[in-house]
Amino acid sequence: MKPFSLDPSMRATLGGAFYPTGYSMVLFANAHDATRVGQRLIDEGMSGDDIFLIPPEAVLSQIAPTVEAADDPLPSAGTEGATVRAYTKLAQEGHTALLVKTDDSDAAERLMVAVRTVPYSIAQRYRALVIEDL
């Protein structure tokens, strides 16, 4: 697992909100559960380079600010701003996130098989033009 650093490619073209196409974001109330799921994915063959562990402080300092201008000058047509605000609320409560590369539905399903072994708060898959609930 890699520490998270917001890359410009993880932002929406319009408005600049957090939108990491080809990844899924899952938040857990317990940091231990996030780490355990990430390690399970690695143990099952996923590359550690495709998994980011994001502590609440990183969500608040790097991801939350991406929505500041997302609705300026007009409200966003998508849900990326509302999704980031949901992540921000959970991070303020201490939730830890995993951002996992999920290029296709099979990768997303492998992720969710591991995620469903522990309690989680929210799981979203970012595809071109669609944020999918997992």
Foldseek 3Di string as FASTA:
>chain_A
DAADDDDQCQFDPAQGAGFNAQKKKWKAQDLVLQVQLLVVVVVVPDDNVQKHKAWLVCLQPPRLVSNVRSCPPHHDPDCRNVVSVVSNVSSVSGIIMMIGRHNDPVSVVVSVVSSVVDDTDFMWHHHVVDIDGD
